[in-house]
PDB file of N, CA and C in Angstrom:
ATOM      1  N   UNK A   1     -70.702   4.119 -44.246  1.00  0.00           N
ATOM      2  CA  UNK A   1     -69.781   3.138 -44.783  1.00  0.00           C
ATOM      3  C   UNK A   1     -68.447   3.258 -44.056  1.00  0.00           C
ATOM      4  N   UNK A   2     -67.847   2.140 -43.742  1.00  0.00           N
ATOM      5  CA  UNK A   2     -66.590   2.132 -43.003  1.00  0.00           C
ATOM      6  C   UNK A   2     -65.435   2.605 -43.888  1.00  0.00           C
ATOM      7  N   UNK A   3     -64.526   3.282 -43.264  1.00  0.00           N
ATOM      8  CA  UNK A   3     -63.341   3.757 -43.963  1.00  0.00           C
ATOM      9  C   UNK A   3     -62.454   2.561 -44.308  1.00  0.00           C
ATOM     10  N   UNK A   4     -61.886   2.537 -45.500  1.00  0.00           N
ATOM     11  CA  UNK A   4     -61.050   1.428 -45.941  1.00  0.00           C
ATOM     12  C   UNK A   4     -59.632   1.581 -45.413  1.00  0.00           C
ATOM     13  N   UNK A   5     -58.975   0.457 -45.248  1.00  0.00           N
ATOM     14  CA  UNK A   5     -57.576   0.432 -44.840  1.00  0.00           C
ATOM     15  C   UNK A   5     -56.707   0.704 -46.057  1.00  0.00           C
ATOM     16  N   UNK A   6     -55.864   1.717 -45.975  1.00  0.00           N
ATOM     17  CA  UNK A   6     -54.933   2.048 -47.049  1.00  0.00           C
ATOM     18  C   UNK A   6     -53.562   2.299 -46.462  1.00  0.00           C
ATOM     19  N   UNK A   7     -52.558   2.221 -47.319  1.00  0.00           N
ATOM     20  CA  UNK A   7     -51.197   2.524 -46.904  1.00  0.00           C
ATOM     21  C   UNK A   7     -50.876   3.964 -47.288  1.00  0.00           C
ATOM     22  N   UNK A   8     -50.389   4.775 -46.343  1.00  0.00           N
ATOM     23  CA  UNK A   8     -50.046   6.162 -46.689  1.00  0.00           C
ATOM     24  C   UNK A   8     -48.775   6.226 -47.531  1.00  0.00           C
ATOM     25  N   UNK A   9     -48.708   7.217 -48.400  1.00  0.00           N
ATOM     26  CA  UNK A   9     -47.499   7.407 -49.202  1.00  0.00           C
ATOM     27  C   UNK A   9     -46.395   8.086 -48.393  1.00  0.00           C
ATOM     28  N   UNK A  10     -46.791   8.881 -47.409  1.00  0.00           N
ATOM     29  CA  UNK A  10     -45.814   9.607 -46.582  1.00  0.00           C
ATOM     30  C   UNK A  10     -45.914   9.148 -45.135  1.00  0.00           C
ATOM     31  N   UNK A  11     -44.820   9.281 -44.415  1.00  0.00           N
ATOM     32  CA  UNK A  11     -44.812   8.942 -43.000  1.00  0.00           C
ATOM     33  C   UNK A  11     -44.600   7.465 -42.720  1.00  0.00           C
ATOM     34  N   UNK A  12     -44.098   6.741 -43.700  1.00  0.00           N
ATOM     35  CA  UNK A  12     -43.874   5.319 -43.495  1.00  0.00           C
ATOM     36  C   UNK A  12     -42.385   5.015 -43.531  1.00  0.00           C
ATOM     37  N   UNK A  13     -42.014   3.897 -42.928  1.00  0.00           N
ATOM     38  CA  UNK A  13     -40.604   3.512 -42.917  1.00  0.00           C
ATOM     39  C   UNK A  13     -40.257   2.643 -44.119  1.00  0.00           C
ATOM     40  N   UNK A  14     -41.089   1.668 -44.396  1.00  0.00           N
ATOM     41  CA  UNK A  14     -40.793   0.762 -45.509  1.00  0.00           C
ATOM     42  C   UNK A  14     -41.894   0.878 -46.565  1.00  0.00           C
ATOM     43  N   UNK A  15     -43.042   0.262 -46.300  1.00  0.00           N
ATOM     44  CA  UNK A  15     -44.111   0.266 -47.295  1.00  0.00           C
ATOM     45  C   UNK A  15     -45.392   0.908 -46.798  1.00  0.00           C
ATOM     46  N   UNK A  16     -45.432   1.283 -45.539  1.00  0.00           N
ATOM     47  CA  UNK A  16     -46.610   1.954 -44.998  1.00  0.00           C
ATOM     48  C   UNK A  16     -47.654   1.044 -44.391  1.00  0.00           C
ATOM     49  N   UNK A  17     -47.374  -0.251 -44.310  1.00  0.00           N
ATOM     50  CA  UNK A  17     -48.356  -1.184 -43.764  1.00  0.00           C
ATOM     51  C   UNK A  17     -48.638  -0.869 -42.301  1.00  0.00           C
ATOM     52  N   UNK A  18     -47.611  -0.748 -41.502  1.00  0.00           N
ATOM     53  CA  UNK A  18     -47.795  -0.473 -40.069  1.00  0.00           C
ATOM     54  C   UNK A  18     -48.430   0.897 -39.851  1.00  0.00           C
ATOM     55  N   UNK A  19     -48.018   1.876 -40.628  1.00  0.00           N
ATOM     56  CA  UNK A  19     -48.601   3.214 -40.509  1.00  0.00           C
ATOM     57  C   UNK A  19     -50.082   3.190 -40.856  1.00  0.00           C
ATOM     58  N   UNK A  20     -50.445   2.446 -41.892  1.00  0.00           N
ATOM     59  CA  UNK A  20     -51.849   2.350 -42.279  1.00  0.00           C
ATOM     60  C   UNK A  20     -52.700   1.663 -41.224  1.00  0.00           C
ATOM     61  N   UNK A  21     -52.170   0.596 -40.651  1.00  0.00           N
ATOM     62  CA  UNK A  21     -52.892  -0.114 -39.589  1.00  0.00           C
ATOM     63  C   UNK A  21     -53.045   0.783 -38.374  1.00  0.00           C
ATOM     64  N   UNK A  22     -51.962   1.449 -37.987  1.00  0.00           N
ATOM     65  CA  UNK A  22     -52.010   2.326 -36.813  1.00  0.00           C
ATOM     66  C   UNK A  22     -53.009   3.457 -37.010  1.00  0.00           C
ATOM     67  N   UNK A  23     -53.000   4.070 -38.176  1.00  0.00           N
ATOM     68  CA  UNK A  23     -53.936   5.167 -38.451  1.00  0.00           C
ATOM     69  C   UNK A  23     -55.377   4.674 -38.440  1.00  0.00           C
ATOM     70  N   UNK A  24     -55.624   3.515 -39.019  1.00  0.00           N
ATOM     71  CA  UNK A  24     -56.981   2.965 -39.107  1.00  0.00           C
ATOM     72  C   UNK A  24     -57.522   2.597 -37.732  1.00  0.00           C
ATOM     73  N   UNK A  25     -56.667   2.031 -36.865  1.00  0.00           N
ATOM     74  CA  UNK A  25     -57.101   1.583 -35.547  1.00  0.00           C
ATOM     75  C   UNK A  25     -56.915   2.630 -34.454  1.00  0.00           C
ATOM     76  N   UNK A  26     -56.254   3.739 -34.773  1.00  0.00           N
ATOM     77  CA  UNK A  26     -56.030   4.784 -33.785  1.00  0.00           C
ATOM     78  C   UNK A  26     -54.968   4.413 -32.758  1.00  0.00           C
ATOM     79  N   UNK A  27     -53.986   3.625 -33.178  1.00  0.00           N
ATOM     80  CA  UNK A  27     -52.899   3.196 -32.297  1.00  0.00           C
ATOM     81  C   UNK A  27     -51.614   3.928 -32.655  1.00  0.00           C
ATOM     82  N   UNK A  28     -50.663   3.980 -31.722  1.00  0.00           N
ATOM     83  CA  UNK A  28     -49.363   4.563 -32.068  1.00  0.00           C
ATOM     84  C   UNK A  28     -48.648   3.710 -33.118  1.00  0.00           C
ATOM     85  N   UNK A  29     -48.028   4.360 -34.069  1.00  0.00           N
ATOM     86  CA  UNK A  29     -47.332   3.635 -35.140  1.00  0.00           C
ATOM     87  C   UNK A  29     -46.206   2.760 -34.592  1.00  0.00           C
ATOM     88  N   UNK A  30     -45.499   3.261 -33.593  1.00  0.00           N
ATOM     89  CA  UNK A  30     -44.398   2.490 -33.021  1.00  0.00           C
ATOM     90  C   UNK A  30     -44.897   1.181 -32.413  1.00  0.00           C
ATOM     91  N   UNK A  31     -46.051   1.207 -31.767  1.00  0.00           N
ATOM     92  CA  UNK A  31     -46.620   0.000 -31.173  1.00  0.00           C
ATOM     93  C   UNK A  31     -46.925  -1.045 -32.247  1.00  0.00           C
ATOM     94  N   UNK A  32     -47.510  -0.625 -33.335  1.00  0.00           N
ATOM     95  CA  UNK A  32     -47.835  -1.561 -34.418  1.00  0.00           C
ATOM     96  C   UNK A  32     -46.561  -2.130 -35.017  1.00  0.00           C
ATOM     97  N   UNK A  33     -45.554  -1.302 -35.188  1.00  0.00           N
ATOM     98  CA  UNK A  33     -44.269  -1.775 -35.718  1.00  0.00           C
ATOM     99  C   UNK A  33     -43.638  -2.803 -34.787  1.00  0.00           C
ATOM    100  N   UNK A  34     -43.682  -2.547 -33.488  1.00  0.00           N
ATOM    101  CA  UNK A  34     -43.131  -3.494 -32.520  1.00  0.00           C
ATOM    102  C   UNK A  34     -43.899  -4.815 -32.535  1.00  0.00           C
ATOM    103  N   UNK A  35     -45.207  -4.758 -32.697  1.00  0.00           N
ATOM    104  CA  UNK A  35     -46.001  -5.986 -32.771  1.00  0.00           C
ATOM    105  C   UNK A  35     -45.635  -6.806 -34.000  1.00  0.00           C
ATOM    106  N   UNK A  36     -45.369  -6.156 -35.112  1.00  0.00           N
ATOM    107  CA  UNK A  36     -44.936  -6.882 -36.305  1.00  0.00           C
ATOM    108  C   UNK A  36     -43.558  -7.512 -36.095  1.00  0.00           C
ATOM    109  N   UNK A  37     -42.675  -6.809 -35.425  1.00  0.00           N
ATOM    110  CA  UNK A  37     -41.350  -7.369 -35.140  1.00  0.00           C
ATOM    111  C   UNK A  37     -41.476  -8.597 -34.241  1.00  0.00           C
ATOM    112  N   UNK A  38     -42.302  -8.497 -33.217  1.00  0.00           N
ATOM    113  CA  UNK A  38     -42.508  -9.637 -32.324  1.00  0.00           C
ATOM    114  C   UNK A  38     -43.151 -10.808 -33.072  1.00  0.00           C
ATOM    115  N   UNK A  39     -44.108 -10.526 -33.920  1.00  0.00           N
ATOM    116  CA  UNK A  39     -44.760 -11.583 -34.693  1.00  0.00           C
ATOM    117  C   UNK A  39     -43.795 -12.222 -35.690  1.00  0.00           C
ATOM    118  N   UNK A  40     -42.809 -11.469 -36.147  1.00  0.00           N
ATOM    119  CA  UNK A  40     -41.814 -12.020 -37.062  1.00  0.00           C
ATOM    120  C   UNK A  40     -40.946 -13.057 -36.367  1.00  0.00           C
ATOM    121  N   UNK A  41     -40.773 -12.906 -35.070  1.00  0.00           N
ATOM    122  CA  UNK A  41     -40.005 -13.885 -34.305  1.00  0.00           C
ATOM    123  C   UNK A  41     -40.782 -15.163 -34.045  1.00  0.00           C
ATOM    124  N   UNK A  42     -42.072 -15.155 -34.317  1.00  0.00           N
ATOM    125  CA  UNK A  42     -42.922 -16.325 -34.108  1.00  0.00           C
ATOM    126  C   UNK A  42     -43.077 -17.087 -35.424  1.00  0.00           C
ATOM    127  N   UNK A  43     -42.005 -17.660 -35.874  1.00  0.00           N
ATOM    128  CA  UNK A  43     -42.062 -18.454 -37.097  1.00  0.00           C
ATOM    129  C   UNK A  43     -42.223 -17.643 -38.368  1.00  0.00           C
ATOM    130  N   UNK A  44     -41.943 -16.365 -38.312  1.00  0.00           N
ATOM    131  CA  UNK A  44     -42.032 -15.513 -39.498  1.00  0.00           C
ATOM    132  C   UNK A  44     -43.437 -15.037 -39.825  1.00  0.00           C
ATOM    133  N   UNK A  45     -44.374 -15.212 -38.900  1.00  0.00           N
ATOM    134  CA  UNK A  45     -45.767 -14.820 -39.155  1.00  0.00           C
ATOM    135  C   UNK A  45     -45.886 -13.328 -39.458  1.00  0.00           C
ATOM    136  N   UNK A  46     -45.112 -12.502 -38.770  1.00  0.00           N
ATOM    137  CA  UNK A  46     -45.162 -11.065 -38.999  1.00  0.00           C
ATOM    138  C   UNK A  46     -44.688 -10.688 -40.388  1.00  0.00           C
ATOM    139  N   UNK A  47     -43.638 -11.353 -40.856  1.00  0.00           N
ATOM    140  CA  UNK A  47     -43.124 -11.075 -42.198  1.00  0.00           C
ATOM    141  C   UNK A  47     -44.116 -11.483 -43.276  1.00  0.00           C
ATOM    142  N   UNK A  48     -44.744 -12.628 -43.086  1.00  0.00           N
ATOM    143  CA  UNK A  48     -45.731 -13.094 -44.054  1.00  0.00           C
ATOM    144  C   UNK A  48     -46.930 -12.156 -44.080  1.00  0.00           C
ATOM    145  N   UNK A  49     -47.419 -11.781 -42.903  1.00  0.00           N
ATOM    146  CA  UNK A  49     -48.560 -10.865 -42.829  1.00  0.00           C
ATOM    147  C   UNK A  49     -48.217  -9.516 -43.457  1.00  0.00           C
ATOM    148  N   UNK A  50     -47.020  -9.009 -43.160  1.00  0.00           N
ATOM    149  CA  UNK A  50     -46.594  -7.724 -43.713  1.00  0.00           C
ATOM    150  C   UNK A  50     -46.553  -7.788 -45.237  1.00  0.00           C
ATOM    151  N   UNK A  51     -45.951  -8.845 -45.773  1.00  0.00           N
ATOM    152  CA  UNK A  51     -45.843  -8.990 -47.222  1.00  0.00           C
ATOM    153  C   UNK A  51     -47.223  -9.069 -47.875  1.00  0.00           C
ATOM    154  N   UNK A  52     -48.135  -9.845 -47.290  1.00  0.00           N
ATOM    155  CA  UNK A  52     -49.474  -9.965 -47.855  1.00  0.00           C
ATOM    156  C   UNK A  52     -50.224  -8.637 -47.811  1.00  0.00           C
ATOM    157  N   UNK A  53     -50.121  -7.919 -46.692  1.00  0.00           N
ATOM    158  CA  UNK A  53     -50.779  -6.611 -46.595  1.00  0.00           C
ATOM    159  C   UNK A  53     -50.160  -5.621 -47.569  1.00  0.00           C
ATOM    160  N   UNK A  54     -48.870  -5.671 -47.752  1.00  0.00           N
ATOM    161  CA  UNK A  54     -48.173  -4.800 -48.687  1.00  0.00           C
ATOM    162  C   UNK A  54     -48.648  -5.086 -50.114  1.00  0.00           C
ATOM    163  N   UNK A  55     -48.819  -6.346 -50.426  1.00  0.00           N
ATOM    164  CA  UNK A  55     -49.202  -6.762 -51.776  1.00  0.00           C
ATOM    165  C   UNK A  55     -50.649  -6.400 -52.096  1.00  0.00           C
ATOM    166  N   UNK A  56     -51.572  -6.591 -51.140  1.00  0.00           N
ATOM    167  CA  UNK A  56     -52.987  -6.481 -51.447  1.00  0.00           C
ATOM    168  C   UNK A  56     -53.664  -5.190 -50.950  1.00  0.00           C
ATOM    169  N   UNK A  57     -52.879  -4.256 -50.421  1.00  0.00           N
ATOM    170  CA  UNK A  57     -53.451  -3.014 -49.913  1.00  0.00           C
ATOM    171  C   UNK A  57     -53.077  -1.854 -50.826  1.00  0.00           C
ATOM    172  N   UNK A  58     -54.034  -1.008 -51.116  1.00  0.00           N
ATOM    173  CA  UNK A  58     -53.794   0.163 -51.952  1.00  0.00           C
ATOM    174  C   UNK A  58     -53.152   1.281 -51.153  1.00  0.00           C
ATOM    175  N   UNK A  59     -52.455   2.171 -51.847  1.00  0.00           N
ATOM    176  CA  UNK A  59     -51.895   3.368 -51.217  1.00  0.00           C
ATOM    177  C   UNK A  59     -52.899   4.499 -51.347  1.00  0.00           C
ATOM    178  N   UNK A  60     -52.780   5.483 -50.471  1.00  0.00           N
ATOM    179  CA  UNK A  60     -53.666   6.661 -50.492  1.00  0.00           C
ATOM    180  C   UNK A  60     -53.387   7.496 -51.709  1.00  0.00           C
TER     181      UNK A  60
END
């Protein structure tokens, strides 16, 4: 069974969304954070995605 995406309680800057994605995909956390910042400049898509993931994702 595949491991579920969760937000960590520790090691996060705001809500842990980027940290959870980075840990799940094996990417650097800074890279995921930068991608969200860039996506936020594209009509706010990054902010909307972040908010939705924050709302519907459980913490560890």
